[in-house]
Each structure stands twice: as C-alpha cells, then as structure tokens.
Amino acid sequence: VGTGDRSEKIRTYNFPDDRVTDHR
C-alpha cells in the first residue's frame, strides 16, 4: 500500500469509458 495519492495506482476503474485497466 502506498500513500493513497491519486498518482499511485495498480488498477483504474473508469466509469465514463466503462473500462477497468490493470496497469501492472
């Protein structure tokens, strides 16, 4: 777990584009 800052991510759940991306 990082700081929870918006720039840190392993996965993004994007509702407008209806997609989930695992960045790893």
PDBML (XML) file of the C-alpha atoms, coordinates in Angstrom:
<?xml version="1.0" encoding="UTF-8" ?>
<PDBx:datablock datablockName="MODEL"
   xmlns:PDBx="http://pdbml.pdb.org/schema/pdbx-v50.xsd"
   xmlns:xsi="http://www.w3.org/2001/XMLSchema-instance"
   xsi:schemaLocation="http://pdbml.pdb.org/schema/pdbx-v50.xsd pdbx-v50.xsd">
   <PDBx:atom_siteCategory>
      <PDBx:atom_site id="1">
         <PDBx:B_iso_or_equiv>0.00</PDBx:B_iso_or_equiv>
         <PDBx:Cartn_x>0.000</PDBx:Cartn_x>
         <PDBx:Cartn_y>0.000</PDBx:Cartn_y>
         <PDBx:Cartn_z>0.000</PDBx:Cartn_z>
         <PDBx:auth_asym_id>A</PDBx:auth_asym_id>
         <PDBx:auth_atom_id>CA</PDBx:auth_atom_id>
         <PDBx:auth_comp_id>VAL</PDBx:auth_comp_id>
         <PDBx:auth_seq_id>1</PDBx:auth_seq_id>
         <PDBx:group_PDB>ATOM</PDBx:group_PDB>
         <PDBx:label_alt_id xsi:nil="true" />
         <PDBx:label_asym_id>A</PDBx:label_asym_id>
         <PDBx:label_atom_id>CA</PDBx:label_atom_id>
         <PDBx:label_comp_id>VAL</PDBx:label_comp_id>
         <PDBx:label_entity_id>1</PDBx:label_entity_id>
         <PDBx:label_seq_id>1</PDBx:label_seq_id>
         <PDBx:occupancy>1.00</PDBx:occupancy>
         <PDBx:pdbx_PDB_model_num>1</PDBx:pdbx_PDB_model_num>
         <PDBx:type_symbol>C</PDBx:type_symbol>
      </PDBx:atom_site>
      <PDBx:atom_site id="2">
         <PDBx:B_iso_or_equiv>0.00</PDBx:B_iso_or_equiv>
         <PDBx:Cartn_x>1.303</PDBx:Cartn_x>
         <PDBx:Cartn_y>3.394</PDBx:Cartn_y>
         <PDBx:Cartn_z>-0.924</PDBx:Cartn_z>
         <PDBx:auth_asym_id>A</PDBx:auth_asym_id>
         <PDBx:auth_atom_id>CA</PDBx:auth_atom_id>
         <PDBx:auth_comp_id>GLY</PDBx:auth_comp_id>
         <PDBx:auth_seq_id>2</PDBx:auth_seq_id>
         <PDBx:group_PDB>ATOM</PDBx:group_PDB>
         <PDBx:label_alt_id xsi:nil="true" />
         <PDBx:label_asym_id>A</PDBx:label_asym_id>
         <PDBx:label_atom_id>CA</PDBx:label_atom_id>
         <PDBx:label_comp_id>GLY</PDBx:label_comp_id>
         <PDBx:label_entity_id>1</PDBx:label_entity_id>
         <PDBx:label_seq_id>2</PDBx:label_seq_id>
         <PDBx:occupancy>1.00</PDBx:occupancy>
         <PDBx:pdbx_PDB_model_num>1</PDBx:pdbx_PDB_model_num>
         <PDBx:type_symbol>C</PDBx:type_symbol>
      </PDBx:atom_site>
      <PDBx:atom_site id="3">
         <PDBx:B_iso_or_equiv>0.00</PDBx:B_iso_or_equiv>
         <PDBx:Cartn_x>0.146</PDBx:Cartn_x>
         <PDBx:Cartn_y>6.749</PDBx:Cartn_y>
         <PDBx:Cartn_z>0.336</PDBx:Cartn_z>
         <PDBx:auth_asym_id>A</PDBx:auth_asym_id>
         <PDBx:auth_atom_id>CA</PDBx:auth_atom_id>
         <PDBx:auth_comp_id>THR</PDBx:auth_comp_id>
         <PDBx:auth_seq_id>3</PDBx:auth_seq_id>
         <PDBx:group_PDB>ATOM</PDBx:group_PDB>
         <PDBx:label_alt_id xsi:nil="true" />
         <PDBx:label_asym_id>A</PDBx:label_asym_id>
         <PDBx:label_atom_id>CA</PDBx:label_atom_id>
         <PDBx:label_comp_id>THR</PDBx:label_comp_id>
         <PDBx:label_entity_id>1</PDBx:label_entity_id>
         <PDBx:label_seq_id>3</PDBx:label_seq_id>
         <PDBx:occupancy>1.00</PDBx:occupancy>
         <PDBx:pdbx_PDB_model_num>1</PDBx:pdbx_PDB_model_num>
         <PDBx:type_symbol>C</PDBx:type_symbol>
      </PDBx:atom_site>
      <PDBx:atom_site id="4">
         <PDBx:B_iso_or_equiv>0.00</PDBx:B_iso_or_equiv>
         <PDBx:Cartn_x>-3.210</PDBx:Cartn_x>
         <PDBx:Cartn_y>6.528</PDBx:Cartn_y>
         <PDBx:Cartn_z>-1.420</PDBx:Cartn_z>
         <PDBx:auth_asym_id>A</PDBx:auth_asym_id>
         <PDBx:auth_atom_id>CA</PDBx:auth_atom_id>
         <PDBx:auth_comp_id>GLY</PDBx:auth_comp_id>
         <PDBx:auth_seq_id>4</PDBx:auth_seq_id>
         <PDBx:group_PDB>ATOM</PDBx:group_PDB>
         <PDBx:label_alt_id xsi:nil="true" />
         <PDBx:label_asym_id>A</PDBx:label_asym_id>
         <PDBx:label_atom_id>CA</PDBx:label_atom_id>
         <PDBx:label_comp_id>GLY</PDBx:label_comp_id>
         <PDBx:label_entity_id>1</PDBx:label_entity_id>
         <PDBx:label_seq_id>4</PDBx:label_seq_id>
         <PDBx:occupancy>1.00</PDBx:occupancy>
         <PDBx:pdbx_PDB_model_num>1</PDBx:pdbx_PDB_model_num>
         <PDBx:type_symbol>C</PDBx:type_symbol>
      </PDBx:atom_site>
      <PDBx:atom_site id="5">
         <PDBx:B_iso_or_equiv>0.00</PDBx:B_iso_or_equiv>
         <PDBx:Cartn_x>-2.283</PDBx:Cartn_x>
         <PDBx:Cartn_y>9.516</PDBx:Cartn_y>
         <PDBx:Cartn_z>-3.571</PDBx:Cartn_z>
         <PDBx:auth_asym_id>A</PDBx:auth_asym_id>
         <PDBx:auth_atom_id>CA</PDBx:auth_atom_id>
         <PDBx:auth_comp_id>ASP</PDBx:auth_comp_id>
         <PDBx:auth_seq_id>5</PDBx:auth_seq_id>
         <PDBx:group_PDB>ATOM</PDBx:group_PDB>
         <PDBx:label_alt_id xsi:nil="true" />
         <PDBx:label_asym_id>A</PDBx:label_asym_id>
         <PDBx:label_atom_id>CA</PDBx:label_atom_id>
         <PDBx:label_comp_id>ASP</PDBx:label_comp_id>
         <PDBx:label_entity_id>1</PDBx:label_entity_id>
         <PDBx:label_seq_id>5</PDBx:label_seq_id>
         <PDBx:occupancy>1.00</PDBx:occupancy>
         <PDBx:pdbx_PDB_model_num>1</PDBx:pdbx_PDB_model_num>
         <PDBx:type_symbol>C</PDBx:type_symbol>
      </PDBx:atom_site>
      <PDBx:atom_site id="6">
         <PDBx:B_iso_or_equiv>0.00</PDBx:B_iso_or_equiv>
         <PDBx:Cartn_x>-4.142</PDBx:Cartn_x>
         <PDBx:Cartn_y>9.808</PDBx:Cartn_y>
         <PDBx:Cartn_z>-6.883</PDBx:Cartn_z>
         <PDBx:auth_asym_id>A</PDBx:auth_asym_id>
         <PDBx:auth_atom_id>CA</PDBx:auth_atom_id>
         <PDBx:auth_comp_id>ARG</PDBx:auth_comp_id>
         <PDBx:auth_seq_id>6</PDBx:auth_seq_id>
         <PDBx:group_PDB>ATOM</PDBx:group_PDB>
         <PDBx:label_alt_id xsi:nil="true" />
         <PDBx:label_asym_id>A</PDBx:label_asym_id>
         <PDBx:label_atom_id>CA</PDBx:label_atom_id>
         <PDBx:label_comp_id>ARG</PDBx:label_comp_id>
         <PDBx:label_entity_id>1</PDBx:label_entity_id>
         <PDBx:label_seq_id>6</PDBx:label_seq_id>
         <PDBx:occupancy>1.00</PDBx:occupancy>
         <PDBx:pdbx_PDB_model_num>1</PDBx:pdbx_PDB_model_num>
         <PDBx:type_symbol>C</PDBx:type_symbol>
      </PDBx:atom_site>
      <PDBx:atom_site id="7">
         <PDBx:B_iso_or_equiv>0.00</PDBx:B_iso_or_equiv>
         <PDBx:Cartn_x>-0.917</PDBx:Cartn_x>
         <PDBx:Cartn_y>9.312</PDBx:Cartn_y>
         <PDBx:Cartn_z>-8.876</PDBx:Cartn_z>
         <PDBx:auth_asym_id>A</PDBx:auth_asym_id>
         <PDBx:auth_atom_id>CA</PDBx:auth_atom_id>
         <PDBx:auth_comp_id>SER</PDBx:auth_comp_id>
         <PDBx:auth_seq_id>7</PDBx:auth_seq_id>
         <PDBx:group_PDB>ATOM</PDBx:group_PDB>
         <PDBx:label_alt_id xsi:nil="true" />
         <PDBx:label_asym_id>A</PDBx:label_asym_id>
         <PDBx:label_atom_id>CA</PDBx:label_atom_id>
         <PDBx:label_comp_id>SER</PDBx:label_comp_id>
         <PDBx:label_entity_id>1</PDBx:label_entity_id>
         <PDBx:label_seq_id>7</PDBx:label_seq_id>
         <PDBx:occupancy>1.00</PDBx:occupancy>
         <PDBx:pdbx_PDB_model_num>1</PDBx:pdbx_PDB_model_num>
         <PDBx:type_symbol>C</PDBx:type_symbol>
      </PDBx:atom_site>
      <PDBx:atom_site id="8">
         <PDBx:B_iso_or_equiv>0.00</PDBx:B_iso_or_equiv>
         <PDBx:Cartn_x>-0.258</PDBx:Cartn_x>
         <PDBx:Cartn_y>5.888</PDBx:Cartn_y>
         <PDBx:Cartn_z>-7.347</PDBx:Cartn_z>
         <PDBx:auth_asym_id>A</PDBx:auth_asym_id>
         <PDBx:auth_atom_id>CA</PDBx:auth_atom_id>
         <PDBx:auth_comp_id>GLU</PDBx:auth_comp_id>
         <PDBx:auth_seq_id>8</PDBx:auth_seq_id>
         <PDBx:group_PDB>ATOM</PDBx:group_PDB>
         <PDBx:label_alt_id xsi:nil="true" />
         <PDBx:label_asym_id>A</PDBx:label_asym_id>
         <PDBx:label_atom_id>CA</PDBx:label_atom_id>
         <PDBx:label_comp_id>GLU</PDBx:label_comp_id>
         <PDBx:label_entity_id>1</PDBx:label_entity_id>
         <PDBx:label_seq_id>8</PDBx:label_seq_id>
         <PDBx:occupancy>1.00</PDBx:occupancy>
         <PDBx:pdbx_PDB_model_num>1</PDBx:pdbx_PDB_model_num>
         <PDBx:type_symbol>C</PDBx:type_symbol>
      </PDBx:atom_site>
      <PDBx:atom_site id="9">
         <PDBx:B_iso_or_equiv>0.00</PDBx:B_iso_or_equiv>
         <PDBx:Cartn_x>-2.279</PDBx:Cartn_x>
         <PDBx:Cartn_y>3.071</PDBx:Cartn_y>
         <PDBx:Cartn_z>-8.810</PDBx:Cartn_z>
         <PDBx:auth_asym_id>A</PDBx:auth_asym_id>
         <PDBx:auth_atom_id>CA</PDBx:auth_atom_id>
         <PDBx:auth_comp_id>LYS</PDBx:auth_comp_id>
         <PDBx:auth_seq_id>9</PDBx:auth_seq_id>
         <PDBx:group_PDB>ATOM</PDBx:group_PDB>
         <PDBx:label_alt_id xsi:nil="true" />
         <PDBx:label_asym_id>A</PDBx:label_asym_id>
         <PDBx:label_atom_id>CA</PDBx:label_atom_id>
         <PDBx:label_comp_id>LYS</PDBx:label_comp_id>
         <PDBx:label_entity_id>1</PDBx:label_entity_id>
         <PDBx:label_seq_id>9</PDBx:label_seq_id>
         <PDBx:occupancy>1.00</PDBx:occupancy>
         <PDBx:pdbx_PDB_model_num>1</PDBx:pdbx_PDB_model_num>
         <PDBx:type_symbol>C</PDBx:type_symbol>
      </PDBx:atom_site>
      <PDBx:atom_site id="10">
         <PDBx:B_iso_or_equiv>0.00</PDBx:B_iso_or_equiv>
         <PDBx:Cartn_x>-2.282</PDBx:Cartn_x>
         <PDBx:Cartn_y>-0.593</PDBx:Cartn_y>
         <PDBx:Cartn_z>-9.720</PDBx:Cartn_z>
         <PDBx:auth_asym_id>A</PDBx:auth_asym_id>
         <PDBx:auth_atom_id>CA</PDBx:auth_atom_id>
         <PDBx:auth_comp_id>ILE</PDBx:auth_comp_id>
         <PDBx:auth_seq_id>10</PDBx:auth_seq_id>
         <PDBx:group_PDB>ATOM</PDBx:group_PDB>
         <PDBx:label_alt_id xsi:nil="true" />
         <PDBx:label_asym_id>A</PDBx:label_asym_id>
         <PDBx:label_atom_id>CA</PDBx:label_atom_id>
         <PDBx:label_comp_id>ILE</PDBx:label_comp_id>
         <PDBx:label_entity_id>1</PDBx:label_entity_id>
         <PDBx:label_seq_id>10</PDBx:label_seq_id>
         <PDBx:occupancy>1.00</PDBx:occupancy>
         <PDBx:pdbx_PDB_model_num>1</PDBx:pdbx_PDB_model_num>
         <PDBx:type_symbol>C</PDBx:type_symbol>
      </PDBx:atom_site>
      <PDBx:atom_site id="11">
         <PDBx:B_iso_or_equiv>0.00</PDBx:B_iso_or_equiv>
         <PDBx:Cartn_x>-5.755</PDBx:Cartn_x>
         <PDBx:Cartn_y>-0.537</PDBx:Cartn_y>
         <PDBx:Cartn_z>-11.289</PDBx:Cartn_z>
         <PDBx:auth_asym_id>A</PDBx:auth_asym_id>
         <PDBx:auth_atom_id>CA</PDBx:auth_atom_id>
         <PDBx:auth_comp_id>ARG</PDBx:auth_comp_id>
         <PDBx:auth_seq_id>11</PDBx:auth_seq_id>
         <PDBx:group_PDB>ATOM</PDBx:group_PDB>
         <PDBx:label_alt_id xsi:nil="true" />
         <PDBx:label_asym_id>A</PDBx:label_asym_id>
         <PDBx:label_atom_id>CA</PDBx:label_atom_id>
         <PDBx:label_comp_id>ARG</PDBx:label_comp_id>
         <PDBx:label_entity_id>1</PDBx:label_entity_id>
         <PDBx:label_seq_id>11</PDBx:label_seq_id>
         <PDBx:occupancy>1.00</PDBx:occupancy>
         <PDBx:pdbx_PDB_model_num>1</PDBx:pdbx_PDB_model_num>
         <PDBx:type_symbol>C</PDBx:type_symbol>
      </PDBx:atom_site>
      <PDBx:atom_site id="12">
         <PDBx:B_iso_or_equiv>0.00</PDBx:B_iso_or_equiv>
         <PDBx:Cartn_x>-8.152</PDBx:Cartn_x>
         <PDBx:Cartn_y>2.084</PDBx:Cartn_y>
         <PDBx:Cartn_z>-12.611</PDBx:Cartn_z>
         <PDBx:auth_asym_id>A</PDBx:auth_asym_id>
         <PDBx:auth_atom_id>CA</PDBx:auth_atom_id>
         <PDBx:auth_comp_id>THR</PDBx:auth_comp_id>
         <PDBx:auth_seq_id>12</PDBx:auth_seq_id>
         <PDBx:group_PDB>ATOM</PDBx:group_PDB>
         <PDBx:label_alt_id xsi:nil="true" />
         <PDBx:label_asym_id>A</PDBx:label_asym_id>
         <PDBx:label_atom_id>CA</PDBx:label_atom_id>
         <PDBx:label_comp_id>THR</PDBx:label_comp_id>
         <PDBx:label_entity_id>1</PDBx:label_entity_id>
         <PDBx:label_seq_id>12</PDBx:label_seq_id>
         <PDBx:occupancy>1.00</PDBx:occupancy>
         <PDBx:pdbx_PDB_model_num>1</PDBx:pdbx_PDB_model_num>
         <PDBx:type_symbol>C</PDBx:type_symbol>
      </PDBx:atom_site>
      <PDBx:atom_site id="13">
         <PDBx:B_iso_or_equiv>0.00</PDBx:B_iso_or_equiv>
         <PDBx:Cartn_x>-11.942</PDBx:Cartn_x>
         <PDBx:Cartn_y>1.749</PDBx:Cartn_y>
         <PDBx:Cartn_z>-12.746</PDBx:Cartn_z>
         <PDBx:auth_asym_id>A</PDBx:auth_asym_id>
         <PDBx:auth_atom_id>CA</PDBx:auth_atom_id>
         <PDBx:auth_comp_id>TYR</PDBx:auth_comp_id>
         <PDBx:auth_seq_id>13</PDBx:auth_seq_id>
         <PDBx:group_PDB>ATOM</PDBx:group_PDB>
         <PDBx:label_alt_id xsi:nil="true" />
         <PDBx:label_asym_id>A</PDBx:label_asym_id>
         <PDBx:label_atom_id>CA</PDBx:label_atom_id>
         <PDBx:label_comp_id>TYR</PDBx:label_comp_id>
         <PDBx:label_entity_id>1</PDBx:label_entity_id>
         <PDBx:label_seq_id>13</PDBx:label_seq_id>
         <PDBx:occupancy>1.00</PDBx:occupancy>
         <PDBx:pdbx_PDB_model_num>1</PDBx:pdbx_PDB_model_num>
         <PDBx:type_symbol>C</PDBx:type_symbol>
      </PDBx:atom_site>
      <PDBx:atom_site id="14">
         <PDBx:B_iso_or_equiv>0.00</PDBx:B_iso_or_equiv>
         <PDBx:Cartn_x>-13.064</PDBx:Cartn_x>
         <PDBx:Cartn_y>4.254</PDBx:Cartn_y>
         <PDBx:Cartn_z>-15.384</PDBx:Cartn_z>
         <PDBx:auth_asym_id>A</PDBx:auth_asym_id>
         <PDBx:auth_atom_id>CA</PDBx:auth_atom_id>
         <PDBx:auth_comp_id>ASN</PDBx:auth_comp_id>
         <PDBx:auth_seq_id>14</PDBx:auth_seq_id>
         <PDBx:group_PDB>ATOM</PDBx:group_PDB>
         <PDBx:label_alt_id xsi:nil="true" />
         <PDBx:label_asym_id>A</PDBx:label_asym_id>
         <PDBx:label_atom_id>CA</PDBx:label_atom_id>
         <PDBx:label_comp_id>ASN</PDBx:label_comp_id>
         <PDBx:label_entity_id>1</PDBx:label_entity_id>
         <PDBx:label_seq_id>14</PDBx:label_seq_id>
         <PDBx:occupancy>1.00</PDBx:occupancy>
         <PDBx:pdbx_PDB_model_num>1</PDBx:pdbx_PDB_model_num>
         <PDBx:type_symbol>C</PDBx:type_symbol>
      </PDBx:atom_site>
      <PDBx:atom_site id="15">
         <PDBx:B_iso_or_equiv>0.00</PDBx:B_iso_or_equiv>
         <PDBx:Cartn_x>-16.850</PDBx:Cartn_x>
         <PDBx:Cartn_y>4.674</PDBx:Cartn_y>
         <PDBx:Cartn_z>-15.441</PDBx:Cartn_z>
         <PDBx:auth_asym_id>A</PDBx:auth_asym_id>
         <PDBx:auth_atom_id>CA</PDBx:auth_atom_id>
         <PDBx:auth_comp_id>PHE</PDBx:auth_comp_id>
         <PDBx:auth_seq_id>15</PDBx:auth_seq_id>
         <PDBx:group_PDB>ATOM</PDBx:group_PDB>
         <PDBx:label_alt_id xsi:nil="true" />
         <PDBx:label_asym_id>A</PDBx:label_asym_id>
         <PDBx:label_atom_id>CA</PDBx:label_atom_id>
         <PDBx:label_comp_id>PHE</PDBx:label_comp_id>
         <PDBx:label_entity_id>1</PDBx:label_entity_id>
         <PDBx:label_seq_id>15</PDBx:label_seq_id>
         <PDBx:occupancy>1.00</PDBx:occupancy>
         <PDBx:pdbx_PDB_model_num>1</PDBx:pdbx_PDB_model_num>
         <PDBx:type_symbol>C</PDBx:type_symbol>
      </PDBx:atom_site>
      <PDBx:atom_site id="16">
         <PDBx:B_iso_or_equiv>0.00</PDBx:B_iso_or_equiv>
         <PDBx:Cartn_x>-17.166</PDBx:Cartn_x>
         <PDBx:Cartn_y>7.156</PDBx:Cartn_y>
         <PDBx:Cartn_z>-18.361</PDBx:Cartn_z>
         <PDBx:auth_asym_id>A</PDBx:auth_asym_id>
         <PDBx:auth_atom_id>CA</PDBx:auth_atom_id>
         <PDBx:auth_comp_id>PRO</PDBx:auth_comp_id>
         <PDBx:auth_seq_id>16</PDBx:auth_seq_id>
         <PDBx:group_PDB>ATOM</PDBx:group_PDB>
         <PDBx:label_alt_id xsi:nil="true" />
         <PDBx:label_asym_id>A</PDBx:label_asym_id>
         <PDBx:label_atom_id>CA</PDBx:label_atom_id>
         <PDBx:label_comp_id>PRO</PDBx:label_comp_id>
         <PDBx:label_entity_id>1</PDBx:label_entity_id>
         <PDBx:label_seq_id>16</PDBx:label_seq_id>
         <PDBx:occupancy>1.00</PDBx:occupancy>
         <PDBx:pdbx_PDB_model_num>1</PDBx:pdbx_PDB_model_num>
         <PDBx:type_symbol>C</PDBx:type_symbol>
      </PDBx:atom_site>
      <PDBx:atom_site id="17">
         <PDBx:B_iso_or_equiv>0.00</PDBx:B_iso_or_equiv>
         <PDBx:Cartn_x>-15.283</PDBx:Cartn_x>
         <PDBx:Cartn_y>4.781</PDBx:Cartn_y>
         <PDBx:Cartn_z>-20.697</PDBx:Cartn_z>
         <PDBx:auth_asym_id>A</PDBx:auth_asym_id>
         <PDBx:auth_atom_id>CA</PDBx:auth_atom_id>
         <PDBx:auth_comp_id>ASP</PDBx:auth_comp_id>
         <PDBx:auth_seq_id>17</PDBx:auth_seq_id>
         <PDBx:group_PDB>ATOM</PDBx:group_PDB>
         <PDBx:label_alt_id xsi:nil="true" />
         <PDBx:label_asym_id>A</PDBx:label_asym_id>
         <PDBx:label_atom_id>CA</PDBx:label_atom_id>
         <PDBx:label_comp_id>ASP</PDBx:label_comp_id>
         <PDBx:label_entity_id>1</PDBx:label_entity_id>
         <PDBx:label_seq_id>17</PDBx:label_seq_id>
         <PDBx:occupancy>1.00</PDBx:occupancy>
         <PDBx:pdbx_PDB_model_num>1</PDBx:pdbx_PDB_model_num>
         <PDBx:type_symbol>C</PDBx:type_symbol>
      </PDBx:atom_site>
      <PDBx:atom_site id="18">
         <PDBx:B_iso_or_equiv>0.00</PDBx:B_iso_or_equiv>
         <PDBx:Cartn_x>-16.731</PDBx:Cartn_x>
         <PDBx:Cartn_y>1.685</PDBx:Cartn_y>
         <PDBx:Cartn_z>-18.971</PDBx:Cartn_z>
         <PDBx:auth_asym_id>A</PDBx:auth_asym_id>
         <PDBx:auth_atom_id>CA</PDBx:auth_atom_id>
         <PDBx:auth_comp_id>ASP</PDBx:auth_comp_id>
         <PDBx:auth_seq_id>18</PDBx:auth_seq_id>
         <PDBx:group_PDB>ATOM</PDBx:group_PDB>
         <PDBx:label_alt_id xsi:nil="true" />
         <PDBx:label_asym_id>A</PDBx:label_asym_id>
         <PDBx:label_atom_id>CA</PDBx:label_atom_id>
         <PDBx:label_comp_id>ASP</PDBx:label_comp_id>
         <PDBx:label_entity_id>1</PDBx:label_entity_id>
         <PDBx:label_seq_id>18</PDBx:label_seq_id>
         <PDBx:occupancy>1.00</PDBx:occupancy>
         <PDBx:pdbx_PDB_model_num>1</PDBx:pdbx_PDB_model_num>
         <PDBx:type_symbol>C</PDBx:type_symbol>
      </PDBx:atom_site>
      <PDBx:atom_site id="19">
         <PDBx:B_iso_or_equiv>0.00</PDBx:B_iso_or_equiv>
         <PDBx:Cartn_x>-13.350</PDBx:Cartn_x>
         <PDBx:Cartn_y>0.001</PDBx:Cartn_y>
         <PDBx:Cartn_z>-18.641</PDBx:Cartn_z>
         <PDBx:auth_asym_id>A</PDBx:auth_asym_id>
         <PDBx:auth_atom_id>CA</PDBx:auth_atom_id>
         <PDBx:auth_comp_id>ARG</PDBx:auth_comp_id>
         <PDBx:auth_seq_id>19</PDBx:auth_seq_id>
         <PDBx:group_PDB>ATOM</PDBx:group_PDB>
         <PDBx:label_alt_id xsi:nil="true" />
         <PDBx:label_asym_id>A</PDBx:label_asym_id>
         <PDBx:label_atom_id>CA</PDBx:label_atom_id>
         <PDBx:label_comp_id>ARG</PDBx:label_comp_id>
         <PDBx:label_entity_id>1</PDBx:label_entity_id>
         <PDBx:label_seq_id>19</PDBx:label_seq_id>
         <PDBx:occupancy>1.00</PDBx:occupancy>
         <PDBx:pdbx_PDB_model_num>1</PDBx:pdbx_PDB_model_num>
         <PDBx:type_symbol>C</PDBx:type_symbol>
      </PDBx:atom_site>
      <PDBx:atom_site id="20">
         <PDBx:B_iso_or_equiv>0.00</PDBx:B_iso_or_equiv>
         <PDBx:Cartn_x>-11.065</PDBx:Cartn_x>
         <PDBx:Cartn_y>-1.393</PDBx:Cartn_y>
         <PDBx:Cartn_z>-15.951</PDBx:Cartn_z>
         <PDBx:auth_asym_id>A</PDBx:auth_asym_id>
         <PDBx:auth_atom_id>CA</PDBx:auth_atom_id>
         <PDBx:auth_comp_id>VAL</PDBx:auth_comp_id>
         <PDBx:auth_seq_id>20</PDBx:auth_seq_id>
         <PDBx:group_PDB>ATOM</PDBx:group_PDB>
         <PDBx:label_alt_id xsi:nil="true" />
         <PDBx:label_asym_id>A</PDBx:label_asym_id>
         <PDBx:label_atom_id>CA</PDBx:label_atom_id>
         <PDBx:label_comp_id>VAL</PDBx:label_comp_id>
         <PDBx:label_entity_id>1</PDBx:label_entity_id>
         <PDBx:label_seq_id>20</PDBx:label_seq_id>
         <PDBx:occupancy>1.00</PDBx:occupancy>
         <PDBx:pdbx_PDB_model_num>1</PDBx:pdbx_PDB_model_num>
         <PDBx:type_symbol>C</PDBx:type_symbol>
      </PDBx:atom_site>
      <PDBx:atom_site id="21">
         <PDBx:B_iso_or_equiv>0.00</PDBx:B_iso_or_equiv>
         <PDBx:Cartn_x>-7.312</PDBx:Cartn_x>
         <PDBx:Cartn_y>-1.302</PDBx:Cartn_y>
         <PDBx:Cartn_z>-16.535</PDBx:Cartn_z>
         <PDBx:auth_asym_id>A</PDBx:auth_asym_id>
         <PDBx:auth_atom_id>CA</PDBx:auth_atom_id>
         <PDBx:auth_comp_id>THR</PDBx:auth_comp_id>
         <PDBx:auth_seq_id>21</PDBx:auth_seq_id>
         <PDBx:group_PDB>ATOM</PDBx:group_PDB>
         <PDBx:label_alt_id xsi:nil="true" />
         <PDBx:label_asym_id>A</PDBx:label_asym_id>
         <PDBx:label_atom_id>CA</PDBx:label_atom_id>
         <PDBx:label_comp_id>THR</PDBx:label_comp_id>
         <PDBx:label_entity_id>1</PDBx:label_entity_id>
         <PDBx:label_seq_id>21</PDBx:label_seq_id>
         <PDBx:occupancy>1.00</PDBx:occupancy>
         <PDBx:pdbx_PDB_model_num>1</PDBx:pdbx_PDB_model_num>
         <PDBx:type_symbol>C</PDBx:type_symbol>
      </PDBx:atom_site>
      <PDBx:atom_site id="22">
         <PDBx:B_iso_or_equiv>0.00</PDBx:B_iso_or_equiv>
         <PDBx:Cartn_x>-4.699</PDBx:Cartn_x>
         <PDBx:Cartn_y>-3.182</PDBx:Cartn_y>
         <PDBx:Cartn_z>-14.525</PDBx:Cartn_z>
         <PDBx:auth_asym_id>A</PDBx:auth_asym_id>
         <PDBx:auth_atom_id>CA</PDBx:auth_atom_id>
         <PDBx:auth_comp_id>ASP</PDBx:auth_comp_id>
         <PDBx:auth_seq_id>22</PDBx:auth_seq_id>
         <PDBx:group_PDB>ATOM</PDBx:group_PDB>
         <PDBx:label_alt_id xsi:nil="true" />
         <PDBx:label_asym_id>A</PDBx:label_asym_id>
         <PDBx:label_atom_id>CA</PDBx:label_atom_id>
         <PDBx:label_comp_id>ASP</PDBx:label_comp_id>
         <PDBx:label_entity_id>1</PDBx:label_entity_id>
         <PDBx:label_seq_id>22</PDBx:label_seq_id>
         <PDBx:occupancy>1.00</PDBx:occupancy>
         <PDBx:pdbx_PDB_model_num>1</PDBx:pdbx_PDB_model_num>
         <PDBx:type_symbol>C</PDBx:type_symbol>
      </PDBx:atom_site>
      <PDBx:atom_site id="23">
         <PDBx:B_iso_or_equiv>0.00</PDBx:B_iso_or_equiv>
         <PDBx:Cartn_x>-1.547</PDBx:Cartn_x>
         <PDBx:Cartn_y>-1.147</PDBx:Cartn_y>
         <PDBx:Cartn_z>-15.074</PDBx:Cartn_z>
         <PDBx:auth_asym_id>A</PDBx:auth_asym_id>
         <PDBx:auth_atom_id>CA</PDBx:auth_atom_id>
         <PDBx:auth_comp_id>HIS</PDBx:auth_comp_id>
         <PDBx:auth_seq_id>23</PDBx:auth_seq_id>
         <PDBx:group_PDB>ATOM</PDBx:group_PDB>
         <PDBx:label_alt_id xsi:nil="true" />
         <PDBx:label_asym_id>A</PDBx:label_asym_id>
         <PDBx:label_atom_id>CA</PDBx:label_atom_id>
         <PDBx:label_comp_id>HIS</PDBx:label_comp_id>
         <PDBx:label_entity_id>1</PDBx:label_entity_id>
         <PDBx:label_seq_id>23</PDBx:label_seq_id>
         <PDBx:occupancy>1.00</PDBx:occupancy>
         <PDBx:pdbx_PDB_model_num>1</PDBx:pdbx_PDB_model_num>
         <PDBx:type_symbol>C</PDBx:type_symbol>
      </PDBx:atom_site>
      <PDBx:atom_site id="24">
         <PDBx:B_iso_or_equiv>0.00</PDBx:B_iso_or_equiv>
         <PDBx:Cartn_x>0.897</PDBx:Cartn_x>
         <PDBx:Cartn_y>-3.886</PDBx:Cartn_y>
         <PDBx:Cartn_z>-13.995</PDBx:Cartn_z>
         <PDBx:auth_asym_id>A</PDBx:auth_asym_id>
         <PDBx:auth_atom_id>CA</PDBx:auth_atom_id>
         <PDBx:auth_comp_id>ARG</PDBx:auth_comp_id>
         <PDBx:auth_seq_id>24</PDBx:auth_seq_id>
         <PDBx:group_PDB>ATOM</PDBx:group_PDB>
         <PDBx:label_alt_id xsi:nil="true" />
         <PDBx:label_asym_id>A</PDBx:label_asym_id>
         <PDBx:label_atom_id>CA</PDBx:label_atom_id>
         <PDBx:label_comp_id>ARG</PDBx:label_comp_id>
         <PDBx:label_entity_id>1</PDBx:label_entity_id>
         <PDBx:label_seq_id>24</PDBx:label_seq_id>
         <PDBx:occupancy>1.00</PDBx:occupancy>
         <PDBx:pdbx_PDB_model_num>1</PDBx:pdbx_PDB_model_num>
         <PDBx:type_symbol>C</PDBx:type_symbol>
      </PDBx:atom_site>
   </PDBx:atom_siteCategory>
</PDBx:datablock>
